[in-house]
Amino acid sequence: MKKTSSSQNQKDFTGGGIFSLPSKRGSTGKAEFDSRVEKLVADWGGGENHELIEELIITALRISSDDVCEADLKLFNRTLKEMQATSHVFEPYAREHKVAVYGSARTEPGQPEYEAAKEFADKMREHGFMTITGAGEGIMGAAQEGAGRENSFGLNIKLPFEQTANDTIIGDHKLMFFNYFFTRKLAFVKESDAAALFPGGFGTMDEGFEVLTLMQTGKASIFPIVMVDAPGGSYWKTFEQFIREHLFRLNLISEEDFNLFKITDSVDEAVAEILHFYRVFHSYRHVRDKMVIRLNRKIRPEDVKKLNRDFADLLVKGTIKQQGALKEEANERSIVDLPRLVFRANRSRPGRIRQFINEINSFDA
């Protein structure tokens, strides 16, 4: 896979939440030290985001002024180092689509689930997607075997017992080792454009529910989630039955939430679900109270009218308009020329927003 620079391709997995945060730095409480921090960053070459670099240093200095124990300081320090290392490894591949693959480390080669994961990653590679796994054996090893070393990332976790990377990714510069599950899980969601879950244990369930929770609460952008059974398998069908009979029946989730994932026992159907998501839709971002959906190409005026008619319930007020980029999007220079759909959406309905994206992708050129 060819490396590409991401200097003009800023990705915000929160859908605009990070970009909307204030960038002006705080203060140490002492003007002299504020000036010294500002000069240090300028001498180092902080670039156009120098205020955020200054903020990081100021936060560290303020921590040193608090009564923080050594264990917490090590936690803060290690967390930032792991996040920096993740950004360093993924940065050259920022413009490449990636799919995160989850599943059991205990699945053996030759089992239907193993072969399905291998086939899935291979077919996603053929369509230009790189694969991210936890770098272990089982489903993870199968997916990386299918994707190949060049098209794989491994996010391994350091455990109290022996944990090694699979043969495909071991020794590769795209293999990382994390001390904390939370930084590892952040890397998965932050860097992925889709997720595929194969049968697995507690870890697979944890990752699946976390991605769904982040999307349902608007803390992560909506992307395709496919839950893939072995041909004729019932693992994920049983999962959905539990969700319907308990969470949905008790009104703990809504019917619309079922649009956030797709269950299938067909690898081809899982691949098609992900590819179709990016057929016309590119990405989205929230700018103040507006939802801005970026498109790979313009849609017809009659299609915009259809969206206004069929998704009137999704609008807080006003209408859906097709236009160019907003001025607040100027910091995403690589996609500033893409057409946009801009409207005030009810952000508490992620499942309905997913239906909206599906409708966009159904329009002919």
Protein backbone atom coordinates (compact mmCIF):
# COMPACT_ATOMS: atom_id res chain seq x y z
CA MET A 1 0.00 0.00 0.00
CA LYS A 2 1.42 3.37 -1.01
CA LYS A 3 2.09 5.83 1.77
CA THR A 4 0.47 9.26 1.52
CA SER A 5 0.99 12.38 3.55
CA SER A 6 -1.89 13.46 5.77
CA SER A 7 -0.71 17.03 6.35
CA GLN A 8 -3.77 18.32 4.52
CA ASN A 9 -6.11 15.46 5.40
CA GLN A 10 -7.21 15.97 8.96
CA LYS A 11 -9.54 13.23 10.17
CA ASP A 12 -11.81 13.81 13.14
CA PHE A 13 -13.45 10.56 14.22
CA THR A 14 -15.83 12.56 16.47
CA GLY A 15 -17.51 14.20 13.48
CA GLY A 16 -16.48 17.73 14.31
CA GLY A 17 -16.35 17.53 18.09
CA ILE A 18 -12.58 17.90 18.21
CA PHE A 19 -12.48 20.74 15.69
CA SER A 20 -15.07 22.67 17.71
CA LEU A 21 -12.92 22.68 20.84
CA PRO A 22 -11.25 26.03 21.61
CA SER A 23 -7.63 26.15 20.48
CA LYS A 24 -6.47 29.16 22.52
CA ARG A 25 -4.15 27.91 25.23
CA GLY A 26 -4.73 28.31 28.93
CA SER A 27 -2.27 29.65 31.46
CA THR A 28 0.14 28.37 34.07
CA GLY A 29 -1.06 31.19 36.27
CA LYS A 30 2.30 32.90 35.95
CA ALA A 31 2.84 35.29 33.02
CA GLU A 32 6.61 34.72 33.02
CA PHE A 33 6.22 30.96 32.52
CA ASP A 34 3.50 31.47 29.89
CA SER A 35 5.97 33.55 27.88
CA ARG A 36 8.72 30.97 28.31
CA VAL A 37 6.42 28.19 27.08
CA GLU A 38 5.40 30.29 24.07
CA LYS A 39 9.04 31.00 23.22
CA LEU A 40 10.04 27.36 23.68
CA VAL A 41 7.37 26.17 21.21
CA ALA A 42 8.26 28.93 18.73
CA ASP A 43 11.96 28.02 18.90
CA TRP A 44 11.08 24.34 18.46
CA GLY A 45 8.83 25.08 15.49
CA GLY A 46 5.29 24.43 16.72
CA GLY A 47 3.71 25.19 13.33
CA GLU A 48 0.15 26.34 12.75
CA ASN A 49 -1.07 24.37 15.78
CA HIS A 50 1.43 25.94 18.17
CA GLU A 51 -1.28 26.99 20.64
CA LEU A 52 -2.30 23.37 21.15
CA ILE A 53 1.34 22.34 21.70
CA GLU A 54 1.64 25.15 24.25
CA GLU A 55 -1.54 23.89 25.92
CA LEU A 56 -0.05 20.40 26.29
CA ILE A 57 3.06 21.79 27.99
CA ILE A 58 1.01 24.06 30.25
CA THR A 59 -1.20 21.12 31.26
CA ALA A 60 1.92 19.13 32.20
CA LEU A 61 3.23 22.04 34.28
CA ARG A 62 -0.11 22.43 36.03
CA ILE A 63 -0.13 18.73 36.85
CA SER A 64 3.28 19.13 38.46
CA SER A 65 1.79 21.83 40.71
CA ASP A 66 -0.93 19.49 41.95
CA ASP A 67 -0.49 16.77 44.52
CA VAL A 68 -0.47 13.98 41.93
CA CYS A 69 0.88 10.59 42.96
CA GLU A 70 3.62 8.81 41.03
CA ALA A 71 1.22 6.14 39.73
CA ASP A 72 -1.05 8.76 38.15
CA LEU A 73 1.88 10.61 36.65
CA LYS A 74 3.07 7.39 35.03
CA LEU A 75 -0.45 6.78 33.74
CA PHE A 76 -0.71 10.26 32.19
CA ASN A 77 2.77 10.03 30.72
CA ARG A 78 2.35 6.55 29.25
CA THR A 79 -1.07 7.41 27.82
CA LEU A 80 0.24 10.42 25.89
CA LYS A 81 3.25 8.43 24.64
CA GLU A 82 0.99 5.66 23.33
CA MET A 83 -1.28 8.15 21.57
CA GLN A 84 1.73 9.91 20.02
CA ALA A 85 3.16 6.61 18.81
CA THR A 86 -0.20 5.69 17.26
CA SER A 87 -0.41 8.96 15.35
CA HIS A 88 3.18 8.55 14.17
CA VAL A 89 2.53 5.07 12.75
CA PHE A 90 -0.84 5.84 11.13
CA GLU A 91 -0.02 9.32 9.76
CA PRO A 92 1.58 8.18 6.48
CA TYR A 93 -1.54 6.11 5.70
CA ALA A 94 -4.16 8.70 6.67
CA ARG A 95 -5.80 8.75 3.25
CA GLU A 96 -6.14 4.98 3.03
CA HIS A 97 -9.43 3.40 4.03
CA LYS A 98 -9.10 0.91 6.88
CA VAL A 99 -11.33 -1.73 8.42
CA ALA A 100 -10.95 -2.95 11.99
CA VAL A 101 -11.44 -6.70 12.40
CA TYR A 102 -12.36 -8.17 15.80
CA GLY A 103 -12.79 -11.79 16.85
CA SER A 104 -11.52 -14.62 19.02
CA ALA A 105 -7.82 -15.36 19.40
CA ARG A 106 -8.76 -19.01 19.99
CA THR A 107 -10.21 -19.74 16.55
CA GLU A 108 -8.07 -22.33 14.78
CA PRO A 109 -7.01 -22.36 11.11
CA GLY A 110 -9.46 -24.37 9.07
CA GLN A 111 -12.48 -23.46 11.19
CA PRO A 112 -15.25 -21.77 9.14
CA GLU A 113 -14.93 -18.50 11.10
CA TYR A 114 -11.16 -18.40 10.52
CA GLU A 115 -11.52 -18.94 6.79
CA ALA A 116 -14.31 -16.34 6.58
CA ALA A 117 -12.13 -13.70 8.29
CA LYS A 118 -9.23 -14.48 5.98
CA GLU A 119 -11.45 -14.24 2.89
CA PHE A 120 -13.04 -11.01 4.14
CA ALA A 121 -9.70 -9.22 4.66
CA ASP A 122 -8.41 -10.44 1.31
CA LYS A 123 -11.46 -9.06 -0.50
CA MET A 124 -11.28 -5.76 1.38
CA ARG A 125 -7.63 -5.50 0.31
CA GLU A 126 -8.71 -5.95 -3.31
CA HIS A 127 -10.98 -2.93 -2.84
CA GLY A 128 -8.25 -0.73 -1.37
CA PHE A 129 -8.89 -1.21 2.37
CA MET A 130 -6.12 -1.85 4.86
CA THR A 131 -6.85 -4.07 7.87
CA ILE A 132 -6.39 -3.31 11.58
CA THR A 133 -6.46 -6.11 14.15
CA GLY A 134 -5.27 -6.76 17.68
CA ALA A 135 -2.27 -8.59 16.15
CA GLY A 136 -2.96 -11.86 17.93
CA GLU A 137 -3.77 -15.32 16.62
CA GLY A 138 -7.16 -16.73 15.67
CA ILE A 139 -9.49 -14.35 13.82
CA MET A 140 -6.87 -11.60 14.07
CA GLY A 141 -4.20 -13.74 12.48
CA ALA A 142 -6.63 -14.93 9.81
CA ALA A 143 -7.56 -11.37 8.84
CA GLN A 144 -3.95 -10.28 8.64
CA GLU A 145 -3.07 -13.35 6.62
CA GLY A 146 -5.80 -12.37 4.17
CA ALA A 147 -4.81 -8.71 4.05
CA GLY A 148 -1.08 -9.37 3.88
CA ARG A 149 1.71 -7.73 5.85
CA GLU A 150 1.90 -4.61 3.68
CA ASN A 151 -1.79 -3.85 4.18
CA SER A 152 -1.98 -4.64 7.91
CA PHE A 153 -1.74 -2.80 11.21
CA GLY A 154 -1.36 -4.66 14.49
CA LEU A 155 -2.47 -3.13 17.80
CA ASN A 156 -1.17 -5.59 20.37
CA ILE A 157 -1.75 -5.38 24.11
CA LYS A 158 0.76 -6.12 26.85
CA LEU A 159 -0.73 -8.69 29.23
CA PRO A 160 0.48 -10.28 32.49
CA PHE A 161 0.86 -13.56 30.59
CA GLU A 162 2.70 -14.18 27.34
CA GLN A 163 1.18 -12.38 24.34
CA THR A 164 2.86 -12.59 20.96
CA ALA A 165 1.98 -11.16 17.57
CA ASN A 166 0.92 -13.36 14.68
CA ASP A 167 3.42 -14.37 12.01
CA THR A 168 2.06 -11.96 9.39
CA ILE A 169 2.60 -8.74 11.35
CA ILE A 170 5.44 -9.59 13.76
CA GLY A 171 8.48 -7.37 13.18
CA ASP A 172 6.57 -4.92 10.97
CA HIS A 173 6.80 -1.17 11.67
CA LYS A 174 2.98 -1.04 11.71
CA LEU A 175 2.86 -3.29 14.79
CA MET A 176 2.32 -1.41 18.06
CA PHE A 177 2.23 -2.57 21.68
CA PHE A 178 -0.14 -0.88 24.11
CA ASN A 179 -0.03 -0.91 27.88
CA TYR A 180 -3.64 0.23 28.25
CA PHE A 181 -6.79 -1.13 26.68
CA PHE A 182 -8.37 2.34 26.54
CA THR A 183 -5.63 3.84 24.36
CA ARG A 184 -5.70 0.75 22.16
CA LYS A 185 -9.48 0.93 21.77
CA LEU A 186 -9.23 4.63 20.96
CA ALA A 187 -6.72 3.84 18.21
CA PHE A 188 -9.09 1.24 16.71
CA VAL A 189 -12.04 3.63 16.52
CA LYS A 190 -10.02 6.72 15.61
CA GLU A 191 -8.23 5.11 12.67
CA SER A 192 -10.99 2.89 11.23
CA ASP A 193 -13.51 3.59 8.48
CA ALA A 194 -15.47 0.39 9.15
CA ALA A 195 -15.57 -2.49 11.62
CA ALA A 196 -16.08 -6.21 11.09
CA LEU A 197 -16.84 -8.43 14.07
CA PHE A 198 -16.42 -12.19 13.87
CA PRO A 199 -17.38 -14.59 16.67
CA GLY A 200 -15.35 -13.97 19.81
CA GLY A 201 -15.33 -13.74 23.58
CA PHE A 202 -15.53 -10.92 26.12
CA GLY A 203 -13.06 -8.76 24.20
CA THR A 204 -15.02 -8.95 20.96
CA MET A 205 -18.26 -8.10 22.76
CA ASP A 206 -16.51 -5.24 24.55
CA GLU A 207 -15.20 -3.73 21.32
CA GLY A 208 -18.52 -4.19 19.53
CA PHE A 209 -20.59 -2.58 22.26
CA GLU A 210 -18.11 0.26 22.63
CA VAL A 211 -18.25 1.18 18.94
CA LEU A 212 -22.05 1.02 19.00
CA THR A 213 -22.17 3.14 22.17
CA LEU A 214 -19.86 5.80 20.73
CA MET A 215 -22.00 6.05 17.59
CA GLN A 216 -25.30 6.00 19.47
CA THR A 217 -24.16 8.83 21.75
CA GLY A 218 -22.59 10.89 18.96
CA LYS A 219 -19.07 10.55 20.33
CA ALA A 220 -17.85 8.87 17.15
CA SER A 221 -18.84 9.30 13.53
CA ILE A 222 -21.14 6.68 12.07
CA PHE A 223 -19.41 4.08 9.92
CA PRO A 224 -20.35 0.56 8.77
CA ILE A 225 -20.38 -2.22 11.36
CA VAL A 226 -20.77 -5.75 10.01
CA MET A 227 -21.16 -8.78 12.27
CA VAL A 228 -20.08 -11.79 10.26
CA ASP A 229 -21.06 -15.37 11.05
CA ALA A 230 -19.54 -18.41 9.44
CA PRO A 231 -21.75 -19.66 6.60
CA GLY A 232 -24.89 -21.01 8.26
CA GLY A 233 -23.66 -19.85 11.69
CA SER A 234 -25.88 -18.40 14.40
CA TYR A 235 -23.47 -16.53 16.72
CA TRP A 236 -24.53 -13.02 15.71
CA LYS A 237 -28.12 -14.05 15.01
CA THR A 238 -28.32 -15.13 18.66
CA PHE A 239 -26.75 -11.81 19.66
CA GLU A 240 -29.44 -9.91 17.80
CA GLN A 241 -32.14 -12.07 19.37
CA PHE A 242 -30.83 -11.11 22.83
CA ILE A 243 -30.77 -7.44 21.84
CA ARG A 244 -34.35 -7.57 20.59
CA GLU A 245 -35.80 -9.67 23.41
CA HIS A 246 -34.20 -7.70 26.21
CA LEU A 247 -32.75 -4.28 25.31
CA PHE A 248 -35.39 -3.39 22.72
CA ARG A 249 -38.36 -5.00 24.50
CA LEU A 250 -37.53 -3.05 27.66
CA ASN A 251 -37.27 0.17 25.63
CA LEU A 252 -33.56 0.50 26.44
CA ILE A 253 -32.73 1.07 22.76
CA SER A 254 -34.86 2.13 19.81
CA GLU A 255 -35.80 0.35 16.58
CA GLU A 256 -33.63 2.87 14.70
CA ASP A 257 -30.53 1.64 16.55
CA PHE A 258 -30.67 -1.60 14.58
CA ASN A 259 -29.63 0.42 11.52
CA LEU A 260 -26.18 0.90 13.08
CA PHE A 261 -25.06 -2.66 12.35
CA LYS A 262 -25.64 -5.46 9.86
CA ILE A 263 -25.58 -9.19 10.58
CA THR A 264 -24.70 -11.60 7.80
CA ASP A 265 -23.16 -15.01 7.19
CA SER A 266 -21.93 -13.96 3.75
CA VAL A 267 -18.46 -12.49 3.31
CA ASP A 268 -19.50 -10.94 -0.01
CA GLU A 269 -22.49 -9.26 1.63
CA ALA A 270 -20.29 -7.89 4.42
CA VAL A 271 -17.82 -6.46 1.88
CA ALA A 272 -20.65 -4.95 -0.19
CA GLU A 273 -22.14 -3.29 2.91
CA ILE A 274 -18.90 -1.43 3.61
CA LEU A 275 -18.20 -0.47 0.01
CA HIS A 276 -21.75 0.79 -0.55
CA PHE A 277 -21.44 3.11 2.47
CA TYR A 278 -18.76 5.12 0.62
CA ARG A 279 -20.40 5.01 -2.82
CA VAL A 280 -21.59 8.65 -2.72
CA PHE A 281 -21.11 9.53 0.95
CA HIS A 282 -17.60 10.68 1.93
CA SER A 283 -17.73 11.91 5.53
CA TYR A 284 -19.54 14.33 7.79
CA ARG A 285 -18.83 17.00 10.33
CA HIS A 286 -20.89 19.08 12.71
CA VAL A 287 -20.33 22.83 12.53
CA ARG A 288 -22.18 24.50 15.39
CA ASP A 289 -25.83 23.43 14.93
CA LYS A 290 -25.37 22.30 11.33
CA MET A 291 -24.63 18.85 10.03
CA VAL A 292 -22.36 18.96 6.98
CA ILE A 293 -22.28 15.80 4.88
CA ARG A 294 -19.46 15.70 2.33
CA LEU A 295 -20.19 13.82 -0.92
CA ASN A 296 -17.90 12.17 -3.45
CA ARG A 297 -20.01 13.78 -6.18
CA LYS A 298 -23.00 16.06 -6.50
CA ILE A 299 -26.48 14.60 -6.37
CA ARG A 300 -29.35 15.79 -8.57
CA PRO A 301 -31.75 18.57 -7.46
CA GLU A 302 -34.62 16.06 -7.50
CA ASP A 303 -32.62 13.85 -5.12
CA VAL A 304 -32.25 16.75 -2.69
CA LYS A 305 -36.02 17.29 -2.87
CA LYS A 306 -36.56 13.61 -2.12
CA LEU A 307 -34.32 13.81 0.94
CA ASN A 308 -36.24 16.86 2.21
CA ARG A 309 -39.51 14.99 1.76
CA ASP A 310 -38.51 11.57 3.12
CA PHE A 311 -36.37 12.81 6.02
CA ALA A 312 -38.38 15.81 7.19
CA ASP A 313 -38.57 14.09 10.61
CA LEU A 314 -34.77 14.33 10.91
CA LEU A 315 -34.72 18.11 10.49
CA VAL A 316 -34.80 20.36 13.54
CA LYS A 317 -35.73 23.28 11.30
CA GLY A 318 -35.09 24.56 7.79
CA THR A 319 -34.28 22.36 4.80
CA ILE A 320 -31.47 20.27 3.35
CA LYS A 321 -29.34 22.27 0.92
CA GLN A 322 -26.57 21.19 -1.44
CA GLN A 323 -23.68 23.66 -1.43
CA GLY A 324 -19.95 24.12 -1.09
CA ALA A 325 -17.77 23.96 2.01
CA LEU A 326 -18.43 26.19 5.00
CA LYS A 327 -15.68 28.58 6.01
CA GLU A 328 -15.13 26.55 9.19
CA GLU A 329 -14.04 23.60 7.04
CA ALA A 330 -11.07 25.44 5.53
CA ASN A 331 -8.71 23.46 7.81
CA GLU A 332 -9.58 20.27 5.88
CA ARG A 333 -7.92 21.39 2.69
CA SER A 334 -7.79 18.02 0.91
CA ILE A 335 -11.60 17.76 0.80
CA VAL A 336 -12.63 21.40 0.66
CA ASP A 337 -13.78 21.06 -2.96
CA LEU A 338 -16.26 18.24 -2.30
CA PRO A 339 -19.99 19.09 -2.53
CA ARG A 340 -21.93 19.25 0.74
CA LEU A 341 -25.41 18.62 2.10
CA VAL A 342 -25.98 21.08 4.93
CA PHE A 343 -28.91 20.98 7.36
CA ARG A 344 -29.89 21.17 11.01
CA ALA A 345 -30.30 17.57 12.07
CA ASN A 346 -31.68 15.90 15.16
CA ARG A 347 -28.36 14.49 16.36
CA SER A 348 -30.02 12.21 18.93
CA ARG A 349 -31.14 9.83 16.14
CA PRO A 350 -27.96 8.14 14.81
CA GLY A 351 -29.89 5.23 13.36
CA ARG A 352 -32.00 7.60 11.30
CA ILE A 353 -28.87 9.43 10.18
CA ARG A 354 -27.51 6.07 9.00
CA GLN A 355 -30.72 5.60 6.96
CA PHE A 356 -30.14 9.07 5.50
CA ILE A 357 -26.62 8.06 4.41
CA ASN A 358 -27.99 4.86 2.89
CA GLU A 359 -30.48 6.89 0.88
CA ILE A 360 -27.73 9.17 -0.42
CA ASN A 361 -25.77 6.13 -1.56
CA SER A 362 -28.77 4.82 -3.51
CA PHE A 363 -28.84 7.80 -5.89
CA ASP A 364 -27.67 7.30 -9.46
CA ALA A 365 -25.11 9.60 -11.03
